[in-house]
Amino acid sequence: GYRDEAGAGLAFLLAHEAVDPKKVFIAGHSEGGLHALRLAQSRT
């Protein structure tokens, strides 16, 4: 659920009019880094 919640945030950024979709990064702190890793693996 934590990963999927972050995944929806990633989709929000990718669709944002001010964002270059080829240059979207994920920064995770502590446990957030684990969710970042799992999200990146599922959305390479």
Full PDB file with SEQRES, HELIX, SHEET, SSBOND, CRYST1, ORIGX, SCALE, CONECT and MASTER records, all heavy atoms in Angstrom:
SEQRES   1 A   44  GLY TYR ARG ASP GLU ALA GLY ALA GLY LEU ALA PHE LEU          
SEQRES   2 A   44  LEU ALA HIS GLU ALA VAL ASP PRO LYS LYS VAL PHE ILE          
SEQRES   3 A   44  ALA GLY HIS SER GLU GLY GLY LEU HIS ALA LEU ARG LEU          
SEQRES   4 A   44  ALA GLN SER ARG THR                                          
HELIX    1 AA1 TYR A    2  ALA A   15  1                                  14    
HELIX    2 AA2 GLU A   31  SER A   42  1                                  12    
CRYST1    1.000    1.000    1.000  90.00  90.00  90.00 P 1           1          
ORIGX1      1.000000  0.000000  0.000000        0.00000                         
ORIGX2      0.000000  1.000000  0.000000        0.00000                         
ORIGX3      0.000000  0.000000  1.000000        0.00000                         
SCALE1      1.000000  0.000000  0.000000        0.00000                         
SCALE2      0.000000  1.000000  0.000000        0.00000                         
SCALE3      0.000000  0.000000  1.000000        0.00000                         
ATOM      1  N   GLY A   1       0.813  -1.216   0.000  1.00  0.00           N  
ATOM      2  CA  GLY A   1       0.000   0.000   0.000  1.00  0.00           C  
ATOM      3  C   GLY A   1       0.840   1.257   0.000  1.00  0.00           C  
ATOM      4  O   GLY A   1       0.499   2.248  -0.672  1.00  0.00           O  
ATOM      5  N   TYR A   2       1.954   1.241   0.748  1.00  0.00           N  
ATOM      6  CA  TYR A   2       2.857   2.397   0.757  1.00  0.00           C  
ATOM      7  C   TYR A   2       3.472   2.601  -0.624  1.00  0.00           C  
ATOM      8  O   TYR A   2       3.585   3.731  -1.105  1.00  0.00           O  
ATOM      9  CB  TYR A   2       3.962   2.201   1.791  1.00  0.00           C  
ATOM     10  CG  TYR A   2       3.528   2.361   3.224  1.00  0.00           C  
ATOM     11  CD1 TYR A   2       3.383   1.262   4.063  1.00  0.00           C  
ATOM     12  CD2 TYR A   2       3.251   3.624   3.747  1.00  0.00           C  
ATOM     13  CE1 TYR A   2       2.983   1.410   5.381  1.00  0.00           C  
ATOM     14  CE2 TYR A   2       2.855   3.785   5.066  1.00  0.00           C  
ATOM     15  CZ  TYR A   2       2.723   2.672   5.882  1.00  0.00           C  
ATOM     16  OH  TYR A   2       2.315   2.827   7.182  1.00  0.00           O  
ATOM     17  N   ARG A   3       3.881   1.507  -1.246  1.00  0.00           N  
ATOM     18  CA  ARG A   3       4.456   1.616  -2.598  1.00  0.00           C  
ATOM     19  C   ARG A   3       3.428   2.147  -3.589  1.00  0.00           C  
ATOM     20  O   ARG A   3       3.731   3.022  -4.408  1.00  0.00           O  
ATOM     21  CB  ARG A   3       4.955   0.240  -3.053  1.00  0.00           C  
ATOM     22  CG  ARG A   3       5.530   0.223  -4.476  1.00  0.00           C  
ATOM     23  CD  ARG A   3       5.517  -1.167  -5.058  1.00  0.00           C  
ATOM     24  NE  ARG A   3       4.154  -1.704  -5.101  1.00  0.00           N  
ATOM     25  CZ  ARG A   3       3.878  -3.003  -5.229  1.00  0.00           C  
ATOM     26  NH1 ARG A   3       4.840  -3.883  -5.324  1.00  0.00           N  
ATOM     27  NH2 ARG A   3       2.610  -3.404  -5.264  1.00  0.00           N  
ATOM     28  N   ASP A   4       2.199   1.616  -3.519  1.00  0.00           N  
ATOM     29  CA  ASP A   4       1.168   2.017  -4.473  1.00  0.00           C  
ATOM     30  C   ASP A   4       0.756   3.478  -4.275  1.00  0.00           C  
ATOM     31  O   ASP A   4       0.438   4.185  -5.237  1.00  0.00           O  
ATOM     32  CB  ASP A   4      -0.044   1.099  -4.336  1.00  0.00           C  
ATOM     33  CG  ASP A   4       0.287  -0.341  -4.715  1.00  0.00           C  
ATOM     34  OD1 ASP A   4       1.310  -0.555  -5.382  1.00  0.00           O  
ATOM     35  OD2 ASP A   4      -0.478  -1.246  -4.316  1.00  0.00           O  
ATOM     36  N   GLU A   5       0.764   3.921  -3.018  1.00  0.00           N  
ATOM     37  CA  GLU A   5       0.469   5.322  -2.714  1.00  0.00           C  
ATOM     38  C   GLU A   5       1.512   6.236  -3.360  1.00  0.00           C  
ATOM     39  O   GLU A   5       1.188   7.264  -3.950  1.00  0.00           O  
ATOM     40  CB  GLU A   5       0.493   5.481  -1.195  1.00  0.00           C  
ATOM     41  CG  GLU A   5      -0.234   6.654  -0.632  1.00  0.00           C  
ATOM     42  CD  GLU A   5      -0.275   6.595   0.881  1.00  0.00           C  
ATOM     43  OE1 GLU A   5       0.815   6.658   1.512  1.00  0.00           O  
ATOM     44  OE2 GLU A   5      -1.368   6.484   1.444  1.00  0.00           O  
ATOM     45  N   ALA A   6       2.780   5.821  -3.244  1.00  0.00           N  
ATOM     46  CA  ALA A   6       3.856   6.578  -3.886  1.00  0.00           C  
ATOM     47  C   ALA A   6       3.747   6.498  -5.406  1.00  0.00           C  
ATOM     48  O   ALA A   6       4.034   7.473  -6.115  1.00  0.00           O  
ATOM     49  CB  ALA A   6       5.214   6.048  -3.430  1.00  0.00           C  
ATOM     50  N   GLY A   7       3.313   5.340  -5.911  1.00  0.00           N  
ATOM     51  CA  GLY A   7       3.157   5.171  -7.348  1.00  0.00           C  
ATOM     52  C   GLY A   7       2.137   6.130  -7.932  1.00  0.00           C  
ATOM     53  O   GLY A   7       2.308   6.640  -9.053  1.00  0.00           O  
ATOM     54  N   ALA A   8       1.072   6.391  -7.185  1.00  0.00           N  
ATOM     55  CA  ALA A   8       0.080   7.362  -7.644  1.00  0.00           C  
ATOM     56  C   ALA A   8       0.676   8.765  -7.669  1.00  0.00           C  
ATOM     57  O   ALA A   8       0.345   9.586  -8.534  1.00  0.00           O  
ATOM     58  CB  ALA A   8      -1.147   7.316  -6.742  1.00  0.00           C  
ATOM     59  N   GLY A   9       1.580   9.047  -6.722  1.00  0.00           N  
ATOM     60  CA  GLY A   9       2.281  10.329  -6.732  1.00  0.00           C  
ATOM     61  C   GLY A   9       3.197  10.448  -7.935  1.00  0.00           C  
ATOM     62  O   GLY A   9       3.325  11.525  -8.547  1.00  0.00           O  
ATOM     63  N   LEU A  10       3.844   9.340  -8.293  1.00  0.00           N  
ATOM     64  CA  LEU A  10       4.694   9.328  -9.484  1.00  0.00           C  
ATOM     65  C   LEU A  10       3.867   9.624 -10.731  1.00  0.00           C  
ATOM     66  O   LEU A  10       4.276  10.415 -11.597  1.00  0.00           O  
ATOM     67  CB  LEU A  10       5.382   7.970  -9.608  1.00  0.00           C  
ATOM     68  CG  LEU A  10       6.262   7.755 -10.841  1.00  0.00           C  
ATOM     69  CD1 LEU A  10       7.432   8.734 -10.859  1.00  0.00           C  
ATOM     70  CD2 LEU A  10       6.772   6.313 -10.882  1.00  0.00           C  
ATOM     71  N   ALA A  11       2.690   9.014 -10.818  1.00  0.00           N  
ATOM     72  CA  ALA A  11       1.806   9.265 -11.960  1.00  0.00           C  
ATOM     73  C   ALA A  11       1.377  10.728 -12.011  1.00  0.00           C  
ATOM     74  O   ALA A  11       1.268  11.321 -13.095  1.00  0.00           O  
ATOM     75  CB  ALA A  11       0.577   8.350 -11.872  1.00  0.00           C  
ATOM     76  N   PHE A  12       1.138  11.328 -10.836  1.00  0.00           N  
ATOM     77  CA  PHE A  12       0.778  12.748 -10.771  1.00  0.00           C  
ATOM     78  C   PHE A  12       1.887  13.599 -11.380  1.00  0.00           C  
ATOM     79  O   PHE A  12       1.623  14.517 -12.177  1.00  0.00           O  
ATOM     80  CB  PHE A  12       0.542  13.141  -9.316  1.00  0.00           C  
ATOM     81  CG  PHE A  12       0.243  14.597  -9.101  1.00  0.00           C  
ATOM     82  CD1 PHE A  12      -1.073  15.057  -9.061  1.00  0.00           C  
ATOM     83  CD2 PHE A  12       1.265  15.525  -8.928  1.00  0.00           C  
ATOM     84  CE1 PHE A  12      -1.356  16.408  -8.857  1.00  0.00           C  
ATOM     85  CE2 PHE A  12       0.994  16.868  -8.728  1.00  0.00           C  
ATOM     86  CZ  PHE A  12      -0.316  17.309  -8.695  1.00  0.00           C  
ATOM     87  N   LEU A  13       3.133  13.326 -11.021  1.00  0.00           N  
ATOM     88  CA  LEU A  13       4.253  14.100 -11.557  1.00  0.00           C  
ATOM     89  C   LEU A  13       4.414  13.896 -13.059  1.00  0.00           C  
ATOM     90  O   LEU A  13       4.648  14.855 -13.807  1.00  0.00           O  
ATOM     91  CB  LEU A  13       5.545  13.709 -10.839  1.00  0.00           C  
ATOM     92  CG  LEU A  13       5.840  14.375  -9.504  1.00  0.00           C  
ATOM     93  CD1 LEU A  13       7.154  13.848  -8.931  1.00  0.00           C  
ATOM     94  CD2 LEU A  13       5.897  15.900  -9.635  1.00  0.00           C  
ATOM     95  N   LEU A  14       4.306  12.656 -13.507  1.00  0.00           N  
ATOM     96  CA  LEU A  14       4.487  12.368 -14.928  1.00  0.00           C  
ATOM     97  C   LEU A  14       3.472  13.108 -15.794  1.00  0.00           C  
ATOM     98  O   LEU A  14       3.763  13.464 -16.945  1.00  0.00           O  
ATOM     99  CB  LEU A  14       4.377  10.860 -15.169  1.00  0.00           C  
ATOM    100  CG  LEU A  14       5.546  10.007 -14.659  1.00  0.00           C  
ATOM    101  CD1 LEU A  14       5.172   8.537 -14.679  1.00  0.00           C  
ATOM    102  CD2 LEU A  14       6.797  10.248 -15.498  1.00  0.00           C  
ATOM    103  N   ALA A  15       2.284  13.340 -15.227  1.00  0.00           N  
ATOM    104  CA  ALA A  15       1.230  14.013 -15.983  1.00  0.00           C  
ATOM    105  C   ALA A  15       1.231  15.529 -15.793  1.00  0.00           C  
ATOM    106  O   ALA A  15       0.469  16.231 -16.469  1.00  0.00           O  
ATOM    107  CB  ALA A  15      -0.137  13.453 -15.565  1.00  0.00           C  
ATOM    108  N   HIS A  16       2.076  16.047 -14.918  1.00  0.00           N  
ATOM    109  CA  HIS A  16       2.075  17.481 -14.614  1.00  0.00           C  
ATOM    110  C   HIS A  16       2.608  18.280 -15.799  1.00  0.00           C  
ATOM    111  O   HIS A  16       3.616  17.918 -16.413  1.00  0.00           O  
ATOM    112  CB  HIS A  16       2.938  17.749 -13.379  1.00  0.00           C  
ATOM    113  CG  HIS A  16       2.685  19.090 -12.750  1.00  0.00           C  
ATOM    114  ND1 HIS A  16       3.149  20.270 -13.303  1.00  0.00           N  
ATOM    115  CD2 HIS A  16       2.024  19.439 -11.614  1.00  0.00           C  
ATOM    116  CE1 HIS A  16       2.796  21.275 -12.528  1.00  0.00           C  
ATOM    117  NE2 HIS A  16       2.104  20.806 -11.501  1.00  0.00           N  
ATOM    118  N   GLU A  17       1.950  19.379 -16.111  1.00  0.00           N  
ATOM    119  CA  GLU A  17       2.292  20.164 -17.294  1.00  0.00           C  
ATOM    120  C   GLU A  17       3.682  20.783 -17.231  1.00  0.00           C  
ATOM    121  O   GLU A  17       4.271  21.099 -18.270  1.00  0.00           O  
ATOM    122  CB  GLU A  17       1.258  21.265 -17.495  1.00  0.00           C  
ATOM    123  CG  GLU A  17       1.178  22.278 -16.357  1.00  0.00           C  
ATOM    124  CD  GLU A  17       0.107  23.335 -16.590  1.00  0.00           C  
ATOM    125  OE1 GLU A  17      -0.599  23.235 -17.615  1.00  0.00           O  
ATOM    126  OE2 GLU A  17      -0.008  24.254 -15.756  1.00  0.00           O  
ATOM    127  N   ALA A  18       4.233  20.953 -16.025  1.00  0.00           N  
ATOM    128  CA  ALA A  18       5.545  21.585 -15.896  1.00  0.00           C  
ATOM    129  C   ALA A  18       6.691  20.575 -15.828  1.00  0.00           C  
ATOM    130  O   ALA A  18       7.848  20.961 -15.685  1.00  0.00           O  
ATOM    131  CB  ALA A  18       5.569  22.467 -14.646  1.00  0.00           C  
ATOM    132  N   VAL A  19       6.366  19.281 -15.919  1.00  0.00           N  
ATOM    133  CA  VAL A  19       7.369  18.236 -15.713  1.00  0.00           C  
ATOM    134  C   VAL A  19       7.828  17.615 -17.031  1.00  0.00           C  
ATOM    135  O   VAL A  19       7.007  17.297 -17.905  1.00  0.00           O  
ATOM    136  CB  VAL A  19       6.809  17.130 -14.786  1.00  0.00           C  
ATOM    137  CG1 VAL A  19       7.743  15.914 -14.749  1.00  0.00           C  
ATOM    138  CG2 VAL A  19       6.607  17.680 -13.384  1.00  0.00           C  
ATOM    139  N   ASP A  20       9.139  17.432 -17.150  1.00  0.00           N  
ATOM    140  CA  ASP A  20       9.715  16.649 -18.247  1.00  0.00           C  
ATOM    141  C   ASP A  20       9.612  15.178 -17.839  1.00  0.00           C  
ATOM    142  O   ASP A  20      10.320  14.737 -16.937  1.00  0.00           O  
ATOM    143  CB  ASP A  20      11.172  17.038 -18.456  1.00  0.00           C  
ATOM    144  CG  ASP A  20      11.839  16.274 -19.595  1.00  0.00           C  
ATOM    145  OD1 ASP A  20      11.268  15.257 -20.060  1.00  0.00           O  
ATOM    146  OD2 ASP A  20      12.939  16.674 -20.017  1.00  0.00           O  
ATOM    147  N   PRO A  21       8.742  14.384 -18.461  1.00  0.00           N  
ATOM    148  CA  PRO A  21       8.515  13.007 -18.012  1.00  0.00           C  
ATOM    149  C   PRO A  21       9.720  12.082 -18.165  1.00  0.00           C  
ATOM    150  O   PRO A  21       9.722  10.979 -17.610  1.00  0.00           O  
ATOM    151  CB  PRO A  21       7.341  12.538 -18.886  1.00  0.00           C  
ATOM    152  CG  PRO A  21       7.401  13.396 -20.097  1.00  0.00           C  
ATOM    153  CD  PRO A  21       7.897  14.741 -19.621  1.00  0.00           C  
ATOM    154  N   LYS A  22      10.731  12.526 -18.879  1.00  0.00           N  
ATOM    155  CA  LYS A  22      11.936  11.717 -19.030  1.00  0.00           C  
ATOM    156  C   LYS A  22      12.944  11.991 -17.908  1.00  0.00           C  
ATOM    157  O   LYS A  22      14.002  11.351 -17.865  1.00  0.00           O  
ATOM    158  CB  LYS A  22      12.590  11.988 -20.384  1.00  0.00           C  
ATOM    159  CG  LYS A  22      11.743  11.551 -21.567  1.00  0.00           C  
ATOM    160  CD  LYS A  22      12.448  11.805 -22.883  1.00  0.00           C  
ATOM    161  CE  LYS A  22      11.599  11.357 -24.064  1.00  0.00           C  
ATOM    162  NZ  LYS A  22      12.297  11.610 -25.358  1.00  0.00           N  
ATOM    163  N   LYS A  23      12.619  12.941 -17.028  1.00  0.00           N  
ATOM    164  CA  LYS A  23      13.558  13.315 -15.972  1.00  0.00           C  
ATOM    165  C   LYS A  23      12.854  13.355 -14.606  1.00  0.00           C  
ATOM    166  O   LYS A  23      12.879  14.360 -13.907  1.00  0.00           O  
ATOM    167  CB  LYS A  23      14.198  14.669 -16.274  1.00  0.00           C  
ATOM    168  CG  LYS A  23      15.035  14.680 -17.542  1.00  0.00           C  
ATOM    169  CD  LYS A  23      15.617  16.057 -17.821  1.00  0.00           C  
ATOM    170  CE  LYS A  23      16.439  16.057 -19.105  1.00  0.00           C  
ATOM    171  NZ  LYS A  23      16.981  17.407 -19.406  1.00  0.00           N  
ATOM    172  N   VAL A  24      12.199  12.256 -14.253  1.00  0.00           N  
ATOM    173  CA  VAL A  24      11.508  12.167 -12.972  1.00  0.00           C  
ATOM    174  C   VAL A  24      12.286  11.220 -12.056  1.00  0.00           C  
ATOM    175  O   VAL A  24      12.547  10.067 -12.418  1.00  0.00           O  
ATOM    176  CB  VAL A  24      10.062  11.675 -13.139  1.00  0.00           C  
ATOM    177  CG1 VAL A  24       9.378  11.532 -11.787  1.00  0.00           C  
ATOM    178  CG2 VAL A  24       9.272  12.652 -14.012  1.00  0.00           C  
ATOM    179  N   PHE A  25      12.658  11.713 -10.889  1.00  0.00           N  
ATOM    180  CA  PHE A  25      13.468  10.971  -9.932  1.00  0.00           C  
ATOM    181  C   PHE A  25      12.654  10.673  -8.668  1.00  0.00           C  
ATOM    182  O   PHE A  25      11.673  11.350  -8.381  1.00  0.00           O  
ATOM    183  CB  PHE A  25      14.713  11.781  -9.546  1.00  0.00           C  
ATOM    184  CG  PHE A  25      15.571  12.166 -10.722  1.00  0.00           C  
ATOM    185  CD1 PHE A  25      15.294  13.305 -11.462  1.00  0.00           C  
ATOM    186  CD2 PHE A  25      16.654  11.394 -11.095  1.00  0.00           C  
ATOM    187  CE1 PHE A  25      16.072  13.669 -12.557  1.00  0.00           C  
ATOM    188  CE2 PHE A  25      17.444  11.740 -12.181  1.00  0.00           C  
ATOM    189  CZ  PHE A  25      17.147  12.883 -12.909  1.00  0.00           C  
ATOM    190  N   ILE A  26      13.085   9.664  -7.932  1.00  0.00           N  
ATOM    191  CA  ILE A  26      12.458   9.340  -6.651  1.00  0.00           C  
ATOM    192  C   ILE A  26      13.518   9.448  -5.563  1.00  0.00           C  
ATOM    193  O   ILE A  26      14.602   8.876  -5.687  1.00  0.00           O  
ATOM    194  CB  ILE A  26      11.864   7.925  -6.634  1.00  0.00           C  
ATOM    195  CG1 ILE A  26      10.927   7.703  -7.818  1.00  0.00           C  
ATOM    196  CG2 ILE A  26      11.116   7.684  -5.322  1.00  0.00           C  
ATOM    197  CD1 ILE A  26      10.407   6.273  -7.915  1.00  0.00           C  
ATOM    198  N   ALA A  27      13.192  10.174  -4.483  1.00  0.00           N  
ATOM    199  CA  ALA A  27      14.083  10.304  -3.332  1.00  0.00           C  
ATOM    200  C   ALA A  27      13.360   9.745  -2.108  1.00  0.00           C  
ATOM    201  O   ALA A  27      12.303  10.251  -1.727  1.00  0.00           O  
ATOM    202  CB  ALA A  27      14.472  11.760  -3.100  1.00  0.00           C  
ATOM    203  N   GLY A  28      13.903   8.693  -1.497  1.00  0.00           N  
ATOM    204  CA  GLY A  28      13.277   8.086  -0.328  1.00  0.00           C  
ATOM    205  C   GLY A  28      14.189   8.140   0.871  1.00  0.00           C  
ATOM    206  O   GLY A  28      15.389   7.855   0.770  1.00  0.00           O  
ATOM    207  N   HIS A  29      13.627   8.519   2.018  1.00  0.00           N  
ATOM    208  CA  HIS A  29      14.406   8.592   3.254  1.00  0.00           C  
ATOM    209  C   HIS A  29      14.071   7.408   4.154  1.00  0.00           C  
ATOM    210  O   HIS A  29      12.894   7.095   4.362  1.00  0.00           O  
ATOM    211  CB  HIS A  29      14.111   9.895   3.997  1.00  0.00           C  
ATOM    212  CG  HIS A  29      14.718   9.950   5.364  1.00  0.00           C  
ATOM    213  ND1 HIS A  29      13.971  10.066   6.516  1.00  0.00           N  
ATOM    214  CD2 HIS A  29      16.018   9.875   5.768  1.00  0.00           C  
ATOM    215  CE1 HIS A  29      14.772  10.070   7.567  1.00  0.00           C  
ATOM    216  NE2 HIS A  29      16.007   9.958   7.135  1.00  0.00           N  
ATOM    217  N   SER A  30      15.095   6.748   4.700  1.00  0.00           N  
ATOM    218  CA  SER A  30      14.914   5.642   5.638  1.00  0.00           C  
ATOM    219  C   SER A  30      14.005   4.581   5.010  1.00  0.00           C  
ATOM    220  O   SER A  30      14.280   4.107   3.910  1.00  0.00           O  
ATOM    221  CB  SER A  30      14.359   6.182   6.954  1.00  0.00           C  
ATOM    222  OG  SER A  30      14.281   5.180   7.940  1.00  0.00           O  
ATOM    223  N   GLU A  31      12.914   4.216   5.687  1.00  0.00           N  
ATOM    224  CA  GLU A  31      11.996   3.223   5.114  1.00  0.00           C  
ATOM    225  C   GLU A  31      11.449   3.671   3.773  1.00  0.00           C  
ATOM    226  O   GLU A  31      11.142   2.851   2.898  1.00  0.00           O  
ATOM    227  CB  GLU A  31      10.836   2.963   6.084  1.00  0.00           C  
ATOM    228  CG  GLU A  31       9.843   1.922   5.605  1.00  0.00           C  
ATOM    229  CD  GLU A  31       8.612   1.841   6.487  1.00  0.00           C  
ATOM    230  OE1 GLU A  31       8.768   1.528   7.692  1.00  0.00           O  
ATOM    231  OE2 GLU A  31       7.507   2.098   5.984  1.00  0.00           O  
ATOM    232  N   GLY A  32      11.339   4.988   3.594  1.00  0.00           N  
ATOM    233  CA  GLY A  32      10.870   5.506   2.313  1.00  0.00           C  
ATOM    234  C   GLY A  32      11.762   5.087   1.154  1.00  0.00           C  
ATOM    235  O   GLY A  32      11.308   4.965   0.019  1.00  0.00           O  
ATOM    236  N   GLY A  33      13.045   4.848   1.442  1.00  0.00           N  
ATOM    237  CA  GLY A  33      13.948   4.364   0.405  1.00  0.00           C  
ATOM    238  C   GLY A  33      13.591   2.962  -0.063  1.00  0.00           C  
ATOM    239  O   GLY A  33      13.772   2.618  -1.234  1.00  0.00           O  
ATOM    240  N   LEU A  34      13.067   2.141   0.862  1.00  0.00           N  
ATOM    241  CA  LEU A  34      12.635   0.792   0.483  1.00  0.00           C  
ATOM    242  C   LEU A  34      11.432   0.864  -0.449  1.00  0.00           C  
ATOM    243  O   LEU A  34      11.348   0.121  -1.437  1.00  0.00           O  
ATOM    244  CB  LEU A  34      12.285  -0.021   1.732  1.00  0.00           C  
ATOM    245  CG  LEU A  34      13.398  -0.192   2.771  1.00  0.00           C  
ATOM    246  CD1 LEU A  34      12.897  -1.010   3.957  1.00  0.00           C  
ATOM    247  CD2 LEU A  34      14.621  -0.851   2.143  1.00  0.00           C  
ATOM    248  N   HIS A  35      10.497   1.764  -0.136  1.00  0.00           N  
ATOM    249  CA  HIS A  35       9.344   1.940  -1.023  1.00  0.00           C  
ATOM    250  C   HIS A  35       9.791   2.512  -2.367  1.00  0.00           C  
ATOM    251  O   HIS A  35       9.250   2.149  -3.418  1.00  0.00           O  
ATOM    252  CB  HIS A  35       8.309   2.859  -0.373  1.00  0.00           C  
ATOM    253  CG  HIS A  35       7.837   2.394   0.963  1.00  0.00           C  
ATOM    254  ND1 HIS A  35       7.398   1.104   1.188  1.00  0.00           N  
ATOM    255  CD2 HIS A  35       7.749   3.029   2.167  1.00  0.00           C  
ATOM    256  CE1 HIS A  35       7.046   0.971   2.463  1.00  0.00           C  
ATOM    257  NE2 HIS A  35       7.263   2.122   3.074  1.00  0.00           N  
ATOM    258  N   ALA A  36      10.785   3.386  -2.343  1.00  0.00           N  
ATOM    259  CA  ALA A  36      11.318   3.955  -3.585  1.00  0.00           C  
ATOM    260  C   ALA A  36      11.943   2.867  -4.455  1.00  0.00           C  
ATOM    261  O   ALA A  36      11.733   2.833  -5.677  1.00  0.00           O  
ATOM    262  CB  ALA A  36      12.343   5.044  -3.262  1.00  0.00           C  
ATOM    263  N   LEU A  37      12.690   1.971  -3.834  1.00  0.00           N  
ATOM    264  CA  LEU A  37      13.312   0.869  -4.576  1.00  0.00           C  
ATOM    265  C   LEU A  37      12.264  -0.021  -5.229  1.00  0.00           C  
ATOM    266  O   LEU A  37      12.372  -0.366  -6.412  1.00  0.00           O  
ATOM    267  CB  LEU A  37      14.179   0.028  -3.635  1.00  0.00           C  
ATOM    268  CG  LEU A  37      15.556   0.588  -3.273  1.00  0.00           C  
ATOM    269  CD1 LEU A  37      16.113  -0.139  -2.049  1.00  0.00           C  
ATOM    270  CD2 LEU A  37      16.507   0.433  -4.455  1.00  0.00           C  
ATOM    271  N   ARG A  38      11.241  -0.386  -4.466  1.00  0.00           N  
ATOM    272  CA  ARG A  38      10.204  -1.273  -4.990  1.00  0.00           C  
ATOM    273  C   ARG A  38       9.395  -0.585  -6.090  1.00  0.00           C  
ATOM    274  O   ARG A  38       9.018  -1.218  -7.077  1.00  0.00           O  
ATOM    275  CB  ARG A  38       9.294  -1.741  -3.858  1.00  0.00           C  
ATOM    276  CG  ARG A  38      10.031  -2.537  -2.782  1.00  0.00           C  
ATOM    277  CD  ARG A  38       9.089  -3.038  -1.702  1.00  0.00           C  
ATOM    278  NE  ARG A  38       8.274  -4.126  -2.211  1.00  0.00           N  
ATOM    279  CZ  ARG A  38       6.948  -4.192  -2.073  1.00  0.00           C  
ATOM    280  NH1 ARG A  38       6.293  -3.218  -1.474  1.00  0.00           N  
ATOM    281  NH2 ARG A  38       6.277  -5.229  -2.540  1.00  0.00           N  
ATOM    282  N   LEU A  39       9.154   0.703  -5.918  1.00  0.00           N  
ATOM    283  CA  LEU A  39       8.428   1.438  -6.944  1.00  0.00           C  
ATOM    284  C   LEU A  39       9.248   1.544  -8.221  1.00  0.00           C  
ATOM    285  O   LEU A  39       8.734   1.338  -9.328  1.00  0.00           O  
ATOM    286  CB  LEU A  39       8.062   2.829  -6.429  1.00  0.00           C  
ATOM    287  CG  LEU A  39       7.353   3.766  -7.407  1.00  0.00           C  
ATOM    288  CD1 LEU A  39       6.072   3.135  -7.934  1.00  0.00           C  
ATOM    289  CD2 LEU A  39       7.061   5.110  -6.744  1.00  0.00           C  
ATOM    290  N   ALA A  40      10.527   1.842  -8.086  1.00  0.00           N  
ATOM    291  CA  ALA A  40      11.397   1.957  -9.258  1.00  0.00           C  
ATOM    292  C   ALA A  40      11.497   0.630 -10.009  1.00  0.00           C  
ATOM    293  O   ALA A  40      11.539   0.608 -11.242  1.00  0.00           O  
ATOM    294  CB  ALA A  40      12.783   2.428  -8.833  1.00  0.00           C  
ATOM    295  N   GLN A  41      11.518  -0.480  -9.266  1.00  0.00           N  
ATOM    296  CA  GLN A  41      11.579  -1.794  -9.907  1.00  0.00           C  
ATOM    297  C   GLN A  41      10.318  -2.083 -10.713  1.00  0.00           C  
ATOM    298  O   GLN A  41      10.376  -2.742 -11.757  1.00  0.00           O  
ATOM    299  CB  GLN A  41      11.782  -2.874  -8.847  1.00  0.00           C  
ATOM    300  CG  GLN A  41      13.176  -2.893  -8.249  1.00  0.00           C  
ATOM    301  CD  GLN A  41      13.302  -3.891  -7.113  1.00  0.00           C  
ATOM    302  OE1 GLN A  41      12.321  -4.263  -6.472  1.00  0.00           O  
ATOM    303  NE2 GLN A  41      14.519  -4.339  -6.852  1.00  0.00           N  
ATOM    304  N   SER A  42       9.184  -1.582 -10.235  1.00  0.00           N  
ATOM    305  CA  SER A  42       7.920  -1.864 -10.918  1.00  0.00           C  
ATOM    306  C   SER A  42       7.612  -0.863 -12.024  1.00  0.00           C  
ATOM    307  O   SER A  42       6.732  -1.111 -12.848  1.00  0.00           O  
ATOM    308  CB  SER A  42       6.764  -1.880  -9.907  1.00  0.00           C  
ATOM    309  OG  SER A  42       6.556  -0.591  -9.342  1.00  0.00           O  
ATOM    310  N   ARG A  43       8.347   0.256 -12.055  1.00  0.00           N  
ATOM    311  CA  ARG A  43       8.066   1.318 -13.045  1.00  0.00           C  
ATOM    312  C   ARG A  43       9.378   1.778 -13.687  1.00  0.00           C  
ATOM    313  O   ARG A  43       9.647   2.973 -13.781  1.00  0.00           O  
ATOM    314  CB  ARG A  43       7.381   2.501 -12.347  1.00  0.00           C  
ATOM    315  CG  ARG A  43       6.082   2.170 -11.623  1.00  0.00           C  
ATOM    316  CD  ARG A  43       4.912   2.077 -12.583  1.00  0.00           C  
ATOM    317  NE  ARG A  43       4.617   3.374 -13.147  1.00  0.00           N  
ATOM    318  CZ  ARG A  43       3.796   4.270 -12.555  1.00  0.00           C  
ATOM    319  NH1 ARG A  43       3.221   3.979 -11.397  1.00  0.00           N  
ATOM    320  NH2 ARG A  43       3.557   5.426 -13.142  1.00  0.00           N  
ATOM    321  N   THR A  44      10.179   0.830 -14.150  1.00  0.00           N  
ATOM    322  CA  THR A  44      11.515   1.167 -14.652  1.00  0.00           C  
ATOM    323  C   THR A  44      11.480   2.169 -15.802  1.00  0.00           C  
ATOM    324  O   THR A  44      12.375   2.997 -15.933  1.00  0.00           O  
ATOM    325  CB  THR A  44      12.262  -0.098 -15.111  1.00  0.00           C  
ATOM    326  OG1 THR A  44      11.443  -0.801 -16.063  1.00  0.00           O  
ATOM    327  CG2 THR A  44      12.553  -1.008 -13.935  1.00  0.00           C  
TER     328      THR A  44                                                      
MASTER        0    0    0    2    0    0    0    6  327    1    0    4          
END                                                                             
